[in-house]
């Protein structure tokens, strides 16, 4: 394969990989929710917290410099039939910026609190997100020596999987090599380090099939099995296109499902952790 073609394939791989990573970060239910709201002819942009580590204050901060604007936060335990607690957010300085702030009550691992916010200036009142609640989930501390390698290996697995798919489409002769690297990196990042991350964060090692319906666990093992099949096929037929392309599609489908969707959730009625999207 010429250097020009190799460079082109790597460029395509990088662009696709970064695009998939950005998409997942923008859609994941644990990343801060970015919202825009206008009051008194001034627009504000907030990042509303949706995940918090147990042991650190669950601060909800709004960057509002106008001292005439008040903010009221309403919160309660998620999926619990109880009245909303109403608290006026208080001014404080964060990194030399004036904020209106409130602290949500800490919950056990996988416990959730839902909240919504009203802004008030004079006679004008605006509901942030039209009053739609934001949900914040609490998690335990994950040691960085587990979390950082987990993230790195998951990024590597997506990168080499993309390269394997691109190589197969381009009739390259290194598809099996990249399939093998995908199998190894996804196995380490998703099936070894992933459960260790979950154990520290939520006290459960594996909540996917057959023990639960955790989407992250299930989609990871599903993608890994497809890459295992692709690798086995490529050992016998090195120029096979079908299975590496199918496996690439599967891993991209995995990344299109927002990270942590259908994940661990504390059932306040039983005190047990459940998984999967349940009403």
C-alpha atoms as a PDB file:
ATOM      1  CA  UNK A   1       0.000   0.000   0.000  1.00  0.00           C
ATOM      2  CA  UNK A   2       1.409   3.411  -0.983  1.00  0.00           C
ATOM      3  CA  UNK A   3       2.351   6.009   1.648  1.00  0.00           C
ATOM      4  CA  UNK A   4      -0.265   8.374   0.248  1.00  0.00           C
ATOM      5  CA  UNK A   5      -3.033   5.814   0.645  1.00  0.00           C
ATOM      6  CA  UNK A   6      -1.825   4.842   4.120  1.00  0.00           C
ATOM      7  CA  UNK A   7      -1.846   8.504   5.187  1.00  0.00           C
ATOM      8  CA  UNK A   8      -5.372   8.893   3.803  1.00  0.00           C
ATOM      9  CA  UNK A   9      -6.631   5.835   5.703  1.00  0.00           C
ATOM     10  CA  UNK A  10      -5.104   7.061   8.973  1.00  0.00           C
ATOM     11  CA  UNK A  11      -6.638  10.507   8.425  1.00  0.00           C
ATOM     12  CA  UNK A  12     -10.069   8.987   7.884  1.00  0.00           C
ATOM     13  CA  UNK A  13      -9.574   6.841  10.996  1.00  0.00           C
ATOM     14  CA  UNK A  14      -8.676   9.839  13.179  1.00  0.00           C
ATOM     15  CA  UNK A  15     -11.606  11.936  11.939  1.00  0.00           C
ATOM     16  CA  UNK A  16     -14.155   9.150  12.468  1.00  0.00           C
ATOM     17  CA  UNK A  17     -12.778   8.245  15.906  1.00  0.00           C
ATOM     18  CA  UNK A  18     -12.785  11.820  17.191  1.00  0.00           C
ATOM     19  CA  UNK A  19     -16.285  12.391  15.811  1.00  0.00           C
ATOM     20  CA  UNK A  20     -17.615   9.322  17.636  1.00  0.00           C
ATOM     21  CA  UNK A  21     -15.943  10.372  20.900  1.00  0.00           C
ATOM     22  CA  UNK A  22     -17.339  13.908  20.675  1.00  0.00           C
ATOM     23  CA  UNK A  23     -20.821  12.572  19.942  1.00  0.00           C
ATOM     24  CA  UNK A  24     -20.754  10.308  22.986  1.00  0.00           C
ATOM     25  CA  UNK A  25     -19.538  13.078  25.244  1.00  0.00           C
ATOM     26  CA  UNK A  26     -22.288  15.412  24.021  1.00  0.00           C
ATOM     27  CA  UNK A  27     -25.076  12.863  24.473  1.00  0.00           C
ATOM     28  CA  UNK A  28     -24.062  10.997  27.636  1.00  0.00           C
ATOM     29  CA  UNK A  29     -26.500  11.378  30.576  1.00  0.00           C
ATOM     30  CA  UNK A  30     -23.703  11.946  33.124  1.00  0.00           C
ATOM     31  CA  UNK A  31     -21.972  14.855  31.407  1.00  0.00           C
ATOM     32  CA  UNK A  32     -23.082  18.390  32.410  1.00  0.00           C
ATOM     33  CA  UNK A  33     -26.160  19.533  30.516  1.00  0.00           C
ATOM     34  CA  UNK A  34     -25.577  22.763  28.633  1.00  0.00           C
ATOM     35  CA  UNK A  35     -28.594  25.063  28.556  1.00  0.00           C
ATOM     36  CA  UNK A  36     -29.362  28.579  27.403  1.00  0.00           C
ATOM     37  CA  UNK A  37     -31.914  30.810  29.078  1.00  0.00           C
ATOM     38  CA  UNK A  38     -32.874  34.462  28.642  1.00  0.00           C
ATOM     39  CA  UNK A  39     -34.195  36.798  31.300  1.00  0.00           C
ATOM     40  CA  UNK A  40     -34.501  40.588  31.184  1.00  0.00           C
ATOM     41  CA  UNK A  41     -33.111  40.604  27.623  1.00  0.00           C
ATOM     42  CA  UNK A  42     -29.880  38.917  28.715  1.00  0.00           C
ATOM     43  CA  UNK A  43     -28.884  35.405  27.702  1.00  0.00           C
ATOM     44  CA  UNK A  44     -27.145  33.061  30.106  1.00  0.00           C
ATOM     45  CA  UNK A  45     -25.415  29.760  29.381  1.00  0.00           C
ATOM     46  CA  UNK A  46     -25.262  27.202  32.184  1.00  0.00           C
ATOM     47  CA  UNK A  47     -23.714  23.765  32.585  1.00  0.00           C
ATOM     48  CA  UNK A  48     -25.966  21.816  34.929  1.00  0.00           C
ATOM     49  CA  UNK A  49     -24.359  19.029  36.942  1.00  0.00           C
ATOM     50  CA  UNK A  50     -25.545  15.457  36.255  1.00  0.00           C
ATOM     51  CA  UNK A  51     -22.932  13.383  38.095  1.00  0.00           C
ATOM     52  CA  UNK A  52     -21.246  13.878  41.451  1.00  0.00           C
ATOM     53  CA  UNK A  53     -18.648  12.002  43.461  1.00  0.00           C
ATOM     54  CA  UNK A  54     -19.639  10.957  46.972  1.00  0.00           C
ATOM     55  CA  UNK A  55     -17.669  12.970  49.523  1.00  0.00           C
ATOM     56  CA  UNK A  56     -17.506  16.158  47.463  1.00  0.00           C
ATOM     57  CA  UNK A  57     -20.250  18.829  47.680  1.00  0.00           C
ATOM     58  CA  UNK A  58     -22.866  18.562  44.962  1.00  0.00           C
ATOM     59  CA  UNK A  59     -22.652  22.229  44.007  1.00  0.00           C
ATOM     60  CA  UNK A  60     -25.090  23.603  41.470  1.00  0.00           C
ATOM     61  CA  UNK A  61     -23.554  26.875  40.275  1.00  0.00           C
ATOM     62  CA  UNK A  62     -25.069  29.449  37.927  1.00  0.00           C
ATOM     63  CA  UNK A  63     -22.818  32.143  36.488  1.00  0.00           C
ATOM     64  CA  UNK A  64     -25.077  35.174  37.054  1.00  0.00           C
ATOM     65  CA  UNK A  65     -23.386  38.496  37.703  1.00  0.00           C
ATOM     66  CA  UNK A  66     -26.616  40.523  37.784  1.00  0.00           C
ATOM     67  CA  UNK A  67     -27.345  41.001  41.498  1.00  0.00           C
ATOM     68  CA  UNK A  68     -31.031  41.642  40.760  1.00  0.00           C
ATOM     69  CA  UNK A  69     -31.520  38.108  39.396  1.00  0.00           C
ATOM     70  CA  UNK A  70     -32.592  35.494  41.931  1.00  0.00           C
ATOM     71  CA  UNK A  71     -32.600  31.745  41.435  1.00  0.00           C
ATOM     72  CA  UNK A  72     -34.797  29.172  43.162  1.00  0.00           C
ATOM     73  CA  UNK A  73     -33.834  25.499  42.977  1.00  0.00           C
ATOM     74  CA  UNK A  74     -36.366  22.720  43.533  1.00  0.00           C
ATOM     75  CA  UNK A  75     -35.132  19.203  44.234  1.00  0.00           C
ATOM     76  CA  UNK A  76     -36.205  15.761  45.444  1.00  0.00           C
ATOM     77  CA  UNK A  77     -35.071  12.156  45.258  1.00  0.00           C
ATOM     78  CA  UNK A  78     -35.471  10.689  41.785  1.00  0.00           C
ATOM     79  CA  UNK A  79     -38.596   8.567  41.220  1.00  0.00           C
ATOM     80  CA  UNK A  80     -39.730   9.109  44.823  1.00  0.00           C
ATOM     81  CA  UNK A  81     -43.215  10.430  45.587  1.00  0.00           C
ATOM     82  CA  UNK A  82     -42.247  13.265  47.902  1.00  0.00           C
ATOM     83  CA  UNK A  83     -42.679  17.053  47.875  1.00  0.00           C
ATOM     84  CA  UNK A  84     -40.105  19.238  46.183  1.00  0.00           C
ATOM     85  CA  UNK A  85     -37.682  21.034  48.500  1.00  0.00           C
ATOM     86  CA  UNK A  86     -37.433  24.705  47.545  1.00  0.00           C
ATOM     87  CA  UNK A  87     -34.217  26.639  48.242  1.00  0.00           C
ATOM     88  CA  UNK A  88     -33.080  30.097  47.171  1.00  0.00           C
ATOM     89  CA  UNK A  89     -29.617  29.889  45.623  1.00  0.00           C
ATOM     90  CA  UNK A  90     -27.039  32.054  47.375  1.00  0.00           C
ATOM     91  CA  UNK A  91     -24.297  34.223  45.846  1.00  0.00           C
ATOM     92  CA  UNK A  92     -20.679  33.152  46.121  1.00  0.00           C
ATOM     93  CA  UNK A  93     -17.432  33.686  44.241  1.00  0.00           C
ATOM     94  CA  UNK A  94     -15.985  30.813  42.223  1.00  0.00           C
ATOM     95  CA  UNK A  95     -12.728  31.452  40.338  1.00  0.00           C
ATOM     96  CA  UNK A  96     -13.295  35.212  40.652  1.00  0.00           C
ATOM     97  CA  UNK A  97     -16.782  34.950  39.156  1.00  0.00           C
ATOM     98  CA  UNK A  98     -20.042  35.665  40.913  1.00  0.00           C
ATOM     99  CA  UNK A  99     -22.259  32.606  41.095  1.00  0.00           C
ATOM    100  CA  UNK A 100     -25.636  31.721  42.496  1.00  0.00           C
ATOM    101  CA  UNK A 101     -25.126  28.405  44.230  1.00  0.00           C
ATOM    102  CA  UNK A 102     -26.914  25.623  46.102  1.00  0.00           C
ATOM    103  CA  UNK A 103     -25.768  22.236  47.413  1.00  0.00           C
ATOM    104  CA  UNK A 104     -27.900  19.154  46.767  1.00  0.00           C
ATOM    105  CA  UNK A 105     -28.081  16.483  49.498  1.00  0.00           C
ATOM    106  CA  UNK A 106     -25.636  13.611  49.064  1.00  0.00           C
ATOM    107  CA  UNK A 107     -27.046  10.211  48.149  1.00  0.00           C
ATOM    108  CA  UNK A 108     -25.625   6.667  48.395  1.00  0.00           C
ATOM    109  CA  UNK A 109     -23.822   5.161  45.390  1.00  0.00           C
ATOM    110  CA  UNK A 110     -26.145   5.102  42.332  1.00  0.00           C
ATOM    111  CA  UNK A 111     -28.644   7.303  44.176  1.00  0.00           C
ATOM    112  CA  UNK A 112     -30.154  10.128  42.149  1.00  0.00           C
ATOM    113  CA  UNK A 113     -31.613  13.565  42.814  1.00  0.00           C
ATOM    114  CA  UNK A 114     -33.719  15.479  40.300  1.00  0.00           C
ATOM    115  CA  UNK A 115     -33.855  19.259  40.269  1.00  0.00           C
ATOM    116  CA  UNK A 116     -35.120  22.217  38.283  1.00  0.00           C
ATOM    117  CA  UNK A 117     -34.460  25.939  38.574  1.00  0.00           C
ATOM    118  CA  UNK A 118     -36.446  29.162  38.265  1.00  0.00           C
ATOM    119  CA  UNK A 119     -34.848  32.542  37.568  1.00  0.00           C
ATOM    120  CA  UNK A 120     -36.579  35.677  38.832  1.00  0.00           C
ATOM    121  CA  UNK A 121     -35.929  39.347  38.131  1.00  0.00           C
ATOM    122  CA  UNK A 122     -38.572  41.791  39.213  1.00  0.00           C
ATOM    123  CA  UNK A 123     -41.884  40.596  37.835  1.00  0.00           C
ATOM    124  CA  UNK A 124     -40.253  38.305  35.256  1.00  0.00           C
ATOM    125  CA  UNK A 125     -39.869  34.607  35.973  1.00  0.00           C
ATOM    126  CA  UNK A 126     -38.195  32.075  33.692  1.00  0.00           C
ATOM    127  CA  UNK A 127     -37.999  28.307  34.075  1.00  0.00           C
ATOM    128  CA  UNK A 128     -34.642  26.842  33.099  1.00  0.00           C
ATOM    129  CA  UNK A 129     -35.343  24.008  30.617  1.00  0.00           C
ATOM    130  CA  UNK A 130     -39.040  24.925  30.941  1.00  0.00           C
ATOM    131  CA  UNK A 131     -39.091  23.305  34.362  1.00  0.00           C
ATOM    132  CA  UNK A 132     -37.884  19.928  33.045  1.00  0.00           C
ATOM    133  CA  UNK A 133     -35.888  18.288  35.852  1.00  0.00           C
ATOM    134  CA  UNK A 134     -32.206  17.503  35.528  1.00  0.00           C
ATOM    135  CA  UNK A 135     -31.054  14.277  37.190  1.00  0.00           C
ATOM    136  CA  UNK A 136     -27.741  14.008  39.037  1.00  0.00           C
ATOM    137  CA  UNK A 137     -26.361  10.567  39.947  1.00  0.00           C
ATOM    138  CA  UNK A 138     -23.931   9.959  42.809  1.00  0.00           C
ATOM    139  CA  UNK A 139     -20.944   7.656  42.527  1.00  0.00           C
ATOM    140  CA  UNK A 140     -18.040   6.481  44.632  1.00  0.00           C
ATOM    141  CA  UNK A 141     -14.440   7.503  44.061  1.00  0.00           C
ATOM    142  CA  UNK A 142     -12.673   5.553  41.308  1.00  0.00           C
ATOM    143  CA  UNK A 143      -8.881   5.361  41.767  1.00  0.00           C
ATOM    144  CA  UNK A 144      -7.110   7.125  38.936  1.00  0.00           C
ATOM    145  CA  UNK A 145      -4.853   4.113  38.355  1.00  0.00           C
ATOM    146  CA  UNK A 146      -8.013   2.258  37.281  1.00  0.00           C
ATOM    147  CA  UNK A 147      -9.979   5.054  35.638  1.00  0.00           C
ATOM    148  CA  UNK A 148      -7.239   6.533  33.453  1.00  0.00           C
ATOM    149  CA  UNK A 149      -6.104   3.197  31.900  1.00  0.00           C
ATOM    150  CA  UNK A 150      -9.776   2.296  31.370  1.00  0.00           C
ATOM    151  CA  UNK A 151     -10.342   5.479  29.375  1.00  0.00           C
ATOM    152  CA  UNK A 152      -7.100   5.084  27.430  1.00  0.00           C
ATOM    153  CA  UNK A 153      -7.798   1.481  26.439  1.00  0.00           C
ATOM    154  CA  UNK A 154     -11.381   2.326  25.388  1.00  0.00           C
ATOM    155  CA  UNK A 155     -10.084   5.123  23.162  1.00  0.00           C
ATOM    156  CA  UNK A 156      -7.465   2.794  21.693  1.00  0.00           C
ATOM    157  CA  UNK A 157     -10.090   0.114  21.039  1.00  0.00           C
ATOM    158  CA  UNK A 158     -12.292   2.529  19.083  1.00  0.00           C
ATOM    159  CA  UNK A 159      -9.284   3.857  17.178  1.00  0.00           C
ATOM    160  CA  UNK A 160      -7.903   0.485  16.068  1.00  0.00           C
ATOM    161  CA  UNK A 161     -11.407  -0.883  15.405  1.00  0.00           C
ATOM    162  CA  UNK A 162     -12.038   2.031  13.060  1.00  0.00           C
ATOM    163  CA  UNK A 163      -8.675   1.403  11.412  1.00  0.00           C
ATOM    164  CA  UNK A 164      -9.545  -2.279  10.971  1.00  0.00           C
ATOM    165  CA  UNK A 165     -12.827  -1.397   9.288  1.00  0.00           C
ATOM    166  CA  UNK A 166     -11.185   1.174   7.026  1.00  0.00           C
ATOM    167  CA  UNK A 167      -8.409  -1.312   6.197  1.00  0.00           C
ATOM    168  CA  UNK A 168     -10.971  -3.963   5.242  1.00  0.00           C
ATOM    169  CA  UNK A 169     -12.898  -1.578   2.991  1.00  0.00           C
ATOM    170  CA  UNK A 170      -9.655  -0.475   1.311  1.00  0.00           C
ATOM    171  CA  UNK A 171      -8.557  -4.101   0.719  1.00  0.00           C
ATOM    172  CA  UNK A 172      -5.539  -3.665   2.968  1.00  0.00           C
ATOM    173  CA  UNK A 173      -3.466  -6.557   4.265  1.00  0.00           C
ATOM    174  CA  UNK A 174      -3.382  -5.511   7.956  1.00  0.00           C
ATOM    175  CA  UNK A 175      -7.022  -6.011   8.895  1.00  0.00           C
ATOM    176  CA  UNK A 176      -6.254  -9.034  11.096  1.00  0.00           C
ATOM    177  CA  UNK A 177      -3.539  -7.083  12.926  1.00  0.00           C
ATOM    178  CA  UNK A 178      -5.944  -4.275  13.823  1.00  0.00           C
ATOM    179  CA  UNK A 179      -8.693  -6.756  14.683  1.00  0.00           C
ATOM    180  CA  UNK A 180      -6.341  -8.422  17.145  1.00  0.00           C
ATOM    181  CA  UNK A 181      -5.442  -5.061  18.706  1.00  0.00           C
ATOM    182  CA  UNK A 182      -9.136  -4.208  18.992  1.00  0.00           C
ATOM    183  CA  UNK A 183      -9.867  -7.509  20.695  1.00  0.00           C
ATOM    184  CA  UNK A 184      -7.068  -6.973  23.221  1.00  0.00           C
ATOM    185  CA  UNK A 185      -7.683  -3.293  23.978  1.00  0.00           C
ATOM    186  CA  UNK A 186     -11.471  -3.670  24.219  1.00  0.00           C
ATOM    187  CA  UNK A 187     -11.030  -6.715  26.433  1.00  0.00           C
ATOM    188  CA  UNK A 188      -8.694  -4.882  28.817  1.00  0.00           C
ATOM    189  CA  UNK A 189     -10.540  -1.559  28.805  1.00  0.00           C
ATOM    190  CA  UNK A 190     -14.123  -2.808  28.712  1.00  0.00           C
ATOM    191  CA  UNK A 191     -14.159  -6.274  30.265  1.00  0.00           C
ATOM    192  CA  UNK A 192     -11.419  -5.981  32.906  1.00  0.00           C
ATOM    193  CA  UNK A 193     -11.008  -2.320  33.852  1.00  0.00           C
ATOM    194  CA  UNK A 194     -14.640  -1.382  33.098  1.00  0.00           C
ATOM    195  CA  UNK A 195     -16.070  -3.664  35.810  1.00  0.00           C
ATOM    196  CA  UNK A 196     -13.410  -2.406  38.257  1.00  0.00           C
ATOM    197  CA  UNK A 197     -14.534   1.163  37.562  1.00  0.00           C
ATOM    198  CA  UNK A 198     -18.133   0.161  38.219  1.00  0.00           C
ATOM    199  CA  UNK A 199     -17.193  -1.727  41.388  1.00  0.00           C
ATOM    200  CA  UNK A 200     -15.602   1.376  42.866  1.00  0.00           C
ATOM    201  CA  UNK A 201     -18.279   3.755  41.627  1.00  0.00           C
ATOM    202  CA  UNK A 202     -21.397   1.728  42.456  1.00  0.00           C
ATOM    203  CA  UNK A 203     -20.325  -1.333  44.430  1.00  0.00           C
ATOM    204  CA  UNK A 204     -21.192  -3.800  41.658  1.00  0.00           C
ATOM    205  CA  UNK A 205     -18.591  -5.604  39.539  1.00  0.00           C
ATOM    206  CA  UNK A 206     -20.815  -6.753  36.661  1.00  0.00           C
ATOM    207  CA  UNK A 207     -24.426  -5.716  36.102  1.00  0.00           C
ATOM    208  CA  UNK A 208     -24.859  -6.863  32.525  1.00  0.00           C
ATOM    209  CA  UNK A 209     -26.234 -10.156  31.205  1.00  0.00           C
ATOM    210  CA  UNK A 210     -27.047 -12.542  32.807  1.00  0.00           C
ATOM    211  CA  UNK A 211     -27.153 -10.680  36.134  1.00  0.00           C
ATOM    212  CA  UNK A 212     -28.720  -7.402  35.049  1.00  0.00           C
ATOM    213  CA  UNK A 213     -29.635  -5.060  32.241  1.00  0.00           C
ATOM    214  CA  UNK A 214     -26.784  -2.554  32.384  1.00  0.00           C
ATOM    215  CA  UNK A 215     -26.484  -1.180  28.854  1.00  0.00           C
ATOM    216  CA  UNK A 216     -22.776  -0.361  29.168  1.00  0.00           C
ATOM    217  CA  UNK A 217     -21.817  -3.880  30.256  1.00  0.00           C
ATOM    218  CA  UNK A 218     -24.064  -5.526  27.673  1.00  0.00           C
ATOM    219  CA  UNK A 219     -22.974  -3.424  24.701  1.00  0.00           C
ATOM    220  CA  UNK A 220     -19.305  -3.956  25.612  1.00  0.00           C
ATOM    221  CA  UNK A 221     -19.469  -7.750  25.774  1.00  0.00           C
ATOM    222  CA  UNK A 222     -21.646  -7.750  22.630  1.00  0.00           C
ATOM    223  CA  UNK A 223     -19.076  -5.722  20.667  1.00  0.00           C
ATOM    224  CA  UNK A 224     -16.161  -7.800  21.993  1.00  0.00           C
ATOM    225  CA  UNK A 225     -17.837 -11.048  20.869  1.00  0.00           C
ATOM    226  CA  UNK A 226     -18.284  -9.681  17.356  1.00  0.00           C
ATOM    227  CA  UNK A 227     -14.607  -8.771  17.215  1.00  0.00           C
ATOM    228  CA  UNK A 228     -13.724 -12.245  18.480  1.00  0.00           C
ATOM    229  CA  UNK A 229     -15.713 -13.757  15.609  1.00  0.00           C
ATOM    230  CA  UNK A 230     -14.090 -11.339  13.143  1.00  0.00           C
ATOM    231  CA  UNK A 231     -10.603 -12.257  14.363  1.00  0.00           C
ATOM    232  CA  UNK A 232     -11.292 -16.001  14.140  1.00  0.00           C
ATOM    233  CA  UNK A 233     -12.625 -15.606  10.600  1.00  0.00           C
ATOM    234  CA  UNK A 234      -9.623 -13.474   9.589  1.00  0.00           C
ATOM    235  CA  UNK A 235      -7.213 -16.137  10.819  1.00  0.00           C
ATOM    236  CA  UNK A 236      -8.658 -18.508   8.224  1.00  0.00           C
ATOM    237  CA  UNK A 237      -9.476 -15.925   5.570  1.00  0.00           C
ATOM    238  CA  UNK A 238      -7.147 -12.887   5.996  1.00  0.00           C
ATOM    239  CA  UNK A 239      -8.861 -10.909   3.235  1.00  0.00           C
ATOM    240  CA  UNK A 240     -12.412 -11.369   4.528  1.00  0.00           C
ATOM    241  CA  UNK A 241     -14.271  -8.052   4.471  1.00  0.00           C
ATOM    242  CA  UNK A 242     -17.675  -8.974   5.850  1.00  0.00           C
ATOM    243  CA  UNK A 243     -16.902  -9.750   9.489  1.00  0.00           C
ATOM    244  CA  UNK A 244     -14.474  -6.905  10.246  1.00  0.00           C
ATOM    245  CA  UNK A 245     -16.916  -4.453   8.674  1.00  0.00           C
ATOM    246  CA  UNK A 246     -19.813  -5.908  10.691  1.00  0.00           C
ATOM    247  CA  UNK A 247     -17.702  -5.751  13.881  1.00  0.00           C
ATOM    248  CA  UNK A 248     -16.801  -2.130  13.129  1.00  0.00           C
ATOM    249  CA  UNK A 249     -20.465  -1.250  12.679  1.00  0.00           C
ATOM    250  CA  UNK A 250     -21.268  -2.975  15.985  1.00  0.00           C
ATOM    251  CA  UNK A 251     -18.627  -1.050  17.940  1.00  0.00           C
ATOM    252  CA  UNK A 252     -19.869   2.202  16.430  1.00  0.00           C
ATOM    253  CA  UNK A 253     -23.422   1.288  17.385  1.00  0.00           C
ATOM    254  CA  UNK A 254     -22.017   0.744  20.883  1.00  0.00           C
ATOM    255  CA  UNK A 255     -20.584   4.270  20.923  1.00  0.00           C
ATOM    256  CA  UNK A 256     -23.786   5.756  19.528  1.00  0.00           C
ATOM    257  CA  UNK A 257     -25.579   4.586  22.685  1.00  0.00           C
ATOM    258  CA  UNK A 258     -24.834   7.360  25.198  1.00  0.00           C
ATOM    259  CA  UNK A 259     -22.342   6.325  27.877  1.00  0.00           C
ATOM    260  CA  UNK A 260     -23.970   5.267  31.205  1.00  0.00           C
ATOM    261  CA  UNK A 261     -27.484   5.182  29.726  1.00  0.00           C
ATOM    262  CA  UNK A 262     -29.452   2.413  31.407  1.00  0.00           C
ATOM    263  CA  UNK A 263     -26.752   2.163  34.065  1.00  0.00           C
ATOM    264  CA  UNK A 264     -26.784   1.562  37.813  1.00  0.00           C
ATOM    265  CA  UNK A 265     -29.609   3.221  39.725  1.00  0.00           C
ATOM    266  CA  UNK A 266     -30.529   3.011  43.394  1.00  0.00           C
ATOM    267  CA  UNK A 267     -34.115   1.905  44.018  1.00  0.00           C
ATOM    268  CA  UNK A 268     -35.062   4.020  47.030  1.00  0.00           C
ATOM    269  CA  UNK A 269     -37.994   1.765  47.894  1.00  0.00           C
ATOM    270  CA  UNK A 270     -35.814  -1.337  48.321  1.00  0.00           C
ATOM    271  CA  UNK A 271     -32.341   0.120  48.852  1.00  0.00           C
ATOM    272  CA  UNK A 272     -31.025  -2.097  46.045  1.00  0.00           C
ATOM    273  CA  UNK A 273     -29.237  -1.107  42.845  1.00  0.00           C
ATOM    274  CA  UNK A 274     -31.087  -1.811  39.604  1.00  0.00           C
ATOM    275  CA  UNK A 275     -29.926  -1.523  35.989  1.00  0.00           C
ATOM    276  CA  UNK A 276     -31.537  -0.880  32.632  1.00  0.00           C
ATOM    277  CA  UNK A 277     -34.109   1.709  31.662  1.00  0.00           C
ATOM    278  CA  UNK A 278     -37.064   1.079  33.919  1.00  0.00           C
ATOM    279  CA  UNK A 279     -40.052   3.272  34.631  1.00  0.00           C
END
